[in-house]
N, C-alpha and C. Protein backbone atom coordinates (compact mmCIF):
# COMPACT_ATOMS: atom_id res chain seq x y z
N MET A 1 98.39 88.75 43.39
CA MET A 1 99.64 88.51 44.07
C MET A 1 99.39 87.54 45.22
N SER A 2 100.21 86.56 45.37
CA SER A 2 100.02 85.57 46.43
C SER A 2 100.89 85.92 47.64
N ASP A 3 100.51 85.35 48.77
CA ASP A 3 101.29 85.54 49.98
C ASP A 3 102.63 84.84 49.85
N THR A 4 103.65 85.39 50.48
CA THR A 4 104.95 84.74 50.46
C THR A 4 104.95 83.59 51.46
N ILE A 5 105.93 82.72 51.35
CA ILE A 5 106.06 81.61 52.29
C ILE A 5 106.25 82.15 53.70
N ALA A 6 107.06 83.19 53.84
CA ALA A 6 107.29 83.79 55.16
C ALA A 6 105.99 84.33 55.75
N GLU A 7 105.17 85.00 54.94
CA GLU A 7 103.89 85.52 55.42
C GLU A 7 102.97 84.38 55.86
N CYS A 8 102.92 83.33 55.06
CA CYS A 8 102.08 82.18 55.39
C CYS A 8 102.52 81.51 56.69
N ARG A 9 103.82 81.37 56.86
CA ARG A 9 104.34 80.77 58.09
C ARG A 9 104.00 81.63 59.30
N LEU A 10 104.15 82.94 59.18
CA LEU A 10 103.82 83.85 60.28
C LEU A 10 102.34 83.74 60.64
N LEU A 11 101.49 83.77 59.64
CA LEU A 11 100.06 83.68 59.89
C LEU A 11 99.70 82.35 60.55
N GLN A 12 100.35 81.27 60.13
CA GLN A 12 100.11 79.96 60.75
C GLN A 12 100.53 79.99 62.22
N ARG A 13 101.68 80.57 62.51
CA ARG A 13 102.16 80.66 63.90
C ARG A 13 101.24 81.53 64.75
N LEU A 14 100.60 82.51 64.13
CA LEU A 14 99.67 83.38 64.85
C LEU A 14 98.29 82.72 65.05
N GLY A 15 98.13 81.53 64.46
CA GLY A 15 96.89 80.78 64.66
C GLY A 15 95.87 80.90 63.55
N ALA A 16 96.23 81.51 62.44
CA ALA A 16 95.28 81.67 61.34
C ALA A 16 94.99 80.33 60.67
N ASP A 17 93.71 80.09 60.41
CA ASP A 17 93.30 78.91 59.65
C ASP A 17 93.02 79.29 58.20
N ALA A 18 92.67 80.55 57.98
CA ALA A 18 92.38 81.04 56.64
C ALA A 18 92.69 82.53 56.59
N VAL A 19 92.97 83.01 55.39
CA VAL A 19 93.30 84.42 55.21
C VAL A 19 92.47 84.95 54.05
N GLY A 20 91.79 86.06 54.28
CA GLY A 20 91.02 86.71 53.23
C GLY A 20 91.81 87.86 52.64
N MET A 21 91.50 88.18 51.40
CA MET A 21 92.27 89.20 50.72
C MET A 21 91.83 90.62 51.06
N SER A 22 90.53 90.88 51.11
CA SER A 22 90.16 92.29 51.25
C SER A 22 88.80 92.51 51.92
N THR A 23 88.32 91.59 52.69
CA THR A 23 86.99 91.73 53.28
C THR A 23 86.91 92.89 54.27
N VAL A 24 87.88 93.03 55.13
CA VAL A 24 87.81 94.02 56.20
C VAL A 24 87.67 95.45 55.69
N PRO A 25 88.49 95.91 54.74
CA PRO A 25 88.31 97.30 54.29
C PRO A 25 86.90 97.58 53.74
N GLU A 26 86.35 96.63 52.98
CA GLU A 26 85.01 96.83 52.43
C GLU A 26 83.96 96.90 53.53
N VAL A 27 84.10 96.07 54.54
CA VAL A 27 83.16 96.06 55.65
C VAL A 27 83.25 97.38 56.43
N ILE A 28 84.44 97.86 56.66
CA ILE A 28 84.61 99.13 57.38
C ILE A 28 83.91 100.26 56.63
N VAL A 29 84.10 100.33 55.32
CA VAL A 29 83.46 101.38 54.52
C VAL A 29 81.93 101.22 54.54
N ALA A 30 81.46 99.99 54.37
CA ALA A 30 80.01 99.75 54.37
C ALA A 30 79.39 100.15 55.71
N ARG A 31 80.01 99.78 56.80
CA ARG A 31 79.49 100.14 58.14
C ARG A 31 79.52 101.65 58.33
N HIS A 32 80.56 102.31 57.84
CA HIS A 32 80.66 103.76 57.92
C HIS A 32 79.49 104.42 57.18
N CYS A 33 79.05 103.77 56.11
CA CYS A 33 77.91 104.27 55.33
C CYS A 33 76.57 103.85 55.91
N GLY A 34 76.60 103.15 57.05
CA GLY A 34 75.36 102.74 57.70
C GLY A 34 74.76 101.46 57.16
N MET A 35 75.50 100.72 56.36
CA MET A 35 74.97 99.49 55.79
C MET A 35 75.15 98.32 56.74
N ARG A 36 74.20 97.39 56.72
CA ARG A 36 74.36 96.13 57.43
C ARG A 36 75.19 95.21 56.54
N VAL A 37 75.99 94.38 57.16
CA VAL A 37 76.95 93.57 56.40
C VAL A 37 76.84 92.11 56.79
N PHE A 38 76.86 91.25 55.80
CA PHE A 38 77.01 89.81 56.00
C PHE A 38 78.15 89.39 55.09
N GLY A 39 79.14 88.73 55.65
CA GLY A 39 80.27 88.33 54.84
C GLY A 39 80.51 86.83 54.89
N PHE A 40 81.03 86.30 53.82
CA PHE A 40 81.48 84.91 53.79
C PHE A 40 82.64 84.83 52.83
N SER A 41 83.43 83.80 52.99
CA SER A 41 84.63 83.66 52.16
C SER A 41 84.65 82.29 51.50
N LEU A 42 85.26 82.23 50.36
CA LEU A 42 85.49 80.99 49.64
C LEU A 42 86.99 80.70 49.71
N ILE A 43 87.33 79.58 50.32
CA ILE A 43 88.73 79.19 50.38
C ILE A 43 89.10 78.59 49.03
N THR A 44 90.09 79.18 48.37
CA THR A 44 90.39 78.77 47.00
C THR A 44 91.72 78.05 46.83
N ASN A 45 92.63 78.18 47.78
CA ASN A 45 93.90 77.50 47.62
C ASN A 45 94.59 77.34 48.98
N LYS A 46 95.50 76.37 49.02
CA LYS A 46 96.27 76.12 50.24
C LYS A 46 97.51 77.00 50.23
N ALA A 47 97.95 77.35 51.44
CA ALA A 47 99.18 78.12 51.57
C ALA A 47 100.38 77.21 51.33
N VAL A 48 101.39 77.76 50.69
CA VAL A 48 102.65 77.05 50.49
C VAL A 48 103.56 77.46 51.65
N LEU A 49 103.98 76.48 52.46
CA LEU A 49 104.73 76.77 53.69
C LEU A 49 106.18 76.30 53.65
N ASP A 50 106.58 75.65 52.58
CA ASP A 50 107.91 75.05 52.52
C ASP A 50 108.70 75.61 51.34
N TYR A 51 109.88 76.13 51.61
CA TYR A 51 110.72 76.68 50.54
C TYR A 51 111.23 75.60 49.58
N ASP A 52 111.31 74.37 50.05
CA ASP A 52 111.87 73.29 49.22
C ASP A 52 110.83 72.57 48.36
N THR A 53 109.58 72.94 48.46
CA THR A 53 108.54 72.26 47.69
C THR A 53 108.51 72.76 46.25
N LYS A 54 107.98 71.92 45.39
CA LYS A 54 107.78 72.34 44.00
C LYS A 54 106.40 72.96 43.82
N GLU A 55 105.57 72.89 44.89
CA GLU A 55 104.24 73.51 44.87
C GLU A 55 104.38 75.02 44.79
N LYS A 56 103.54 75.63 44.03
CA LYS A 56 103.50 77.08 43.94
C LYS A 56 102.04 77.52 43.98
N ALA A 57 101.80 78.64 44.65
CA ALA A 57 100.46 79.23 44.60
C ALA A 57 100.28 79.76 43.18
N ASN A 58 99.07 79.54 42.63
CA ASN A 58 98.86 80.04 41.28
C ASN A 58 97.42 80.48 41.06
N HIS A 59 97.27 81.39 40.13
CA HIS A 59 95.97 81.98 39.85
C HIS A 59 95.00 80.96 39.26
N GLU A 60 95.48 80.01 38.48
CA GLU A 60 94.62 78.99 37.88
C GLU A 60 93.92 78.17 38.96
N GLU A 61 94.63 77.86 40.03
CA GLU A 61 94.06 77.11 41.15
C GLU A 61 92.88 77.88 41.76
N VAL A 62 93.06 79.18 41.91
CA VAL A 62 92.01 80.04 42.46
C VAL A 62 90.81 80.06 41.52
N LEU A 63 91.04 80.24 40.24
CA LEU A 63 89.95 80.28 39.26
C LEU A 63 89.19 78.96 39.22
N GLU A 64 89.90 77.85 39.27
CA GLU A 64 89.26 76.53 39.23
C GLU A 64 88.38 76.31 40.46
N ALA A 65 88.88 76.64 41.63
CA ALA A 65 88.08 76.50 42.85
C ALA A 65 86.84 77.39 42.79
N SER A 66 86.98 78.57 42.24
CA SER A 66 85.85 79.48 42.09
C SER A 66 84.81 78.93 41.13
N ARG A 67 85.27 78.38 40.01
CA ARG A 67 84.34 77.78 39.03
C ARG A 67 83.57 76.62 39.65
N LYS A 68 84.28 75.76 40.41
CA LYS A 68 83.64 74.60 41.01
C LYS A 68 82.60 75.00 42.06
N SER A 69 82.79 76.12 42.71
CA SER A 69 81.91 76.52 43.80
C SER A 69 80.86 77.55 43.40
N ALA A 70 80.89 78.02 42.18
CA ALA A 70 80.02 79.11 41.74
C ALA A 70 78.54 78.79 41.95
N ARG A 71 78.09 77.61 41.56
CA ARG A 71 76.67 77.25 41.66
C ARG A 71 76.23 77.20 43.13
N THR A 72 77.05 76.62 43.98
CA THR A 72 76.73 76.54 45.40
C THR A 72 76.64 77.93 46.02
N LEU A 73 77.60 78.78 45.69
CA LEU A 73 77.58 80.15 46.21
C LEU A 73 76.36 80.91 45.71
N GLU A 74 76.01 80.71 44.46
CA GLU A 74 74.83 81.37 43.89
C GLU A 74 73.57 80.97 44.67
N LYS A 75 73.43 79.68 44.97
CA LYS A 75 72.26 79.21 45.73
C LYS A 75 72.26 79.77 47.14
N MET A 76 73.43 79.79 47.79
CA MET A 76 73.52 80.33 49.15
C MET A 76 73.10 81.79 49.20
N VAL A 77 73.61 82.58 48.27
CA VAL A 77 73.28 84.00 48.25
C VAL A 77 71.80 84.21 47.95
N SER A 78 71.25 83.43 47.05
CA SER A 78 69.82 83.55 46.72
C SER A 78 68.95 83.27 47.94
N VAL A 79 69.25 82.20 48.66
CA VAL A 79 68.49 81.86 49.86
C VAL A 79 68.66 82.95 50.92
N LEU A 80 69.86 83.41 51.10
CA LEU A 80 70.12 84.46 52.08
C LEU A 80 69.32 85.72 51.76
N VAL A 81 69.34 86.15 50.51
CA VAL A 81 68.61 87.37 50.12
C VAL A 81 67.12 87.17 50.32
N GLN A 82 66.57 86.01 49.98
CA GLN A 82 65.15 85.75 50.18
C GLN A 82 64.79 85.84 51.66
N ARG A 83 65.62 85.28 52.51
CA ARG A 83 65.35 85.30 53.95
C ARG A 83 65.46 86.71 54.52
N ILE A 84 66.43 87.47 54.05
CA ILE A 84 66.57 88.85 54.52
C ILE A 84 65.35 89.65 54.09
N GLU A 85 64.94 89.52 52.82
CA GLU A 85 63.76 90.25 52.33
C GLU A 85 62.52 89.86 53.13
N HIS A 86 62.36 88.56 53.40
CA HIS A 86 61.21 88.08 54.16
C HIS A 86 61.22 88.65 55.58
N ASN A 87 62.35 88.61 56.25
CA ASN A 87 62.45 89.13 57.61
C ASN A 87 62.26 90.64 57.67
N ASN A 88 62.73 91.36 56.67
CA ASN A 88 62.56 92.82 56.66
C ASN A 88 61.10 93.20 56.49
N ASN A 89 60.33 92.37 55.78
CA ASN A 89 58.91 92.65 55.58
C ASN A 89 58.10 92.40 56.85
N LEU A 90 58.65 91.66 57.81
CA LEU A 90 57.93 91.37 59.04
C LEU A 90 58.00 92.52 60.04
N ALA A 91 58.96 93.39 59.88
CA ALA A 91 59.18 94.47 60.86
C ALA A 91 58.16 95.58 60.76
């Protein structure tokens, strides 16, 4: 489900540059369980802010952005995990 135009406009007025779908609840649960958390987000689509535009938020746009970024994200996570494992072994 995509954000409505009204929601996007409100978030823009509040100063938001990006909006994540569900990071915060997962982080709260993980921290409650005593886990350390590192989070990052992939921006997959632009907000539609105009009622008169023919632009529409769509799932295909999200999937395409994800496909294009998959290899880069995979490399980032691999490097991050290696560094975390290396630093944990130093303690």
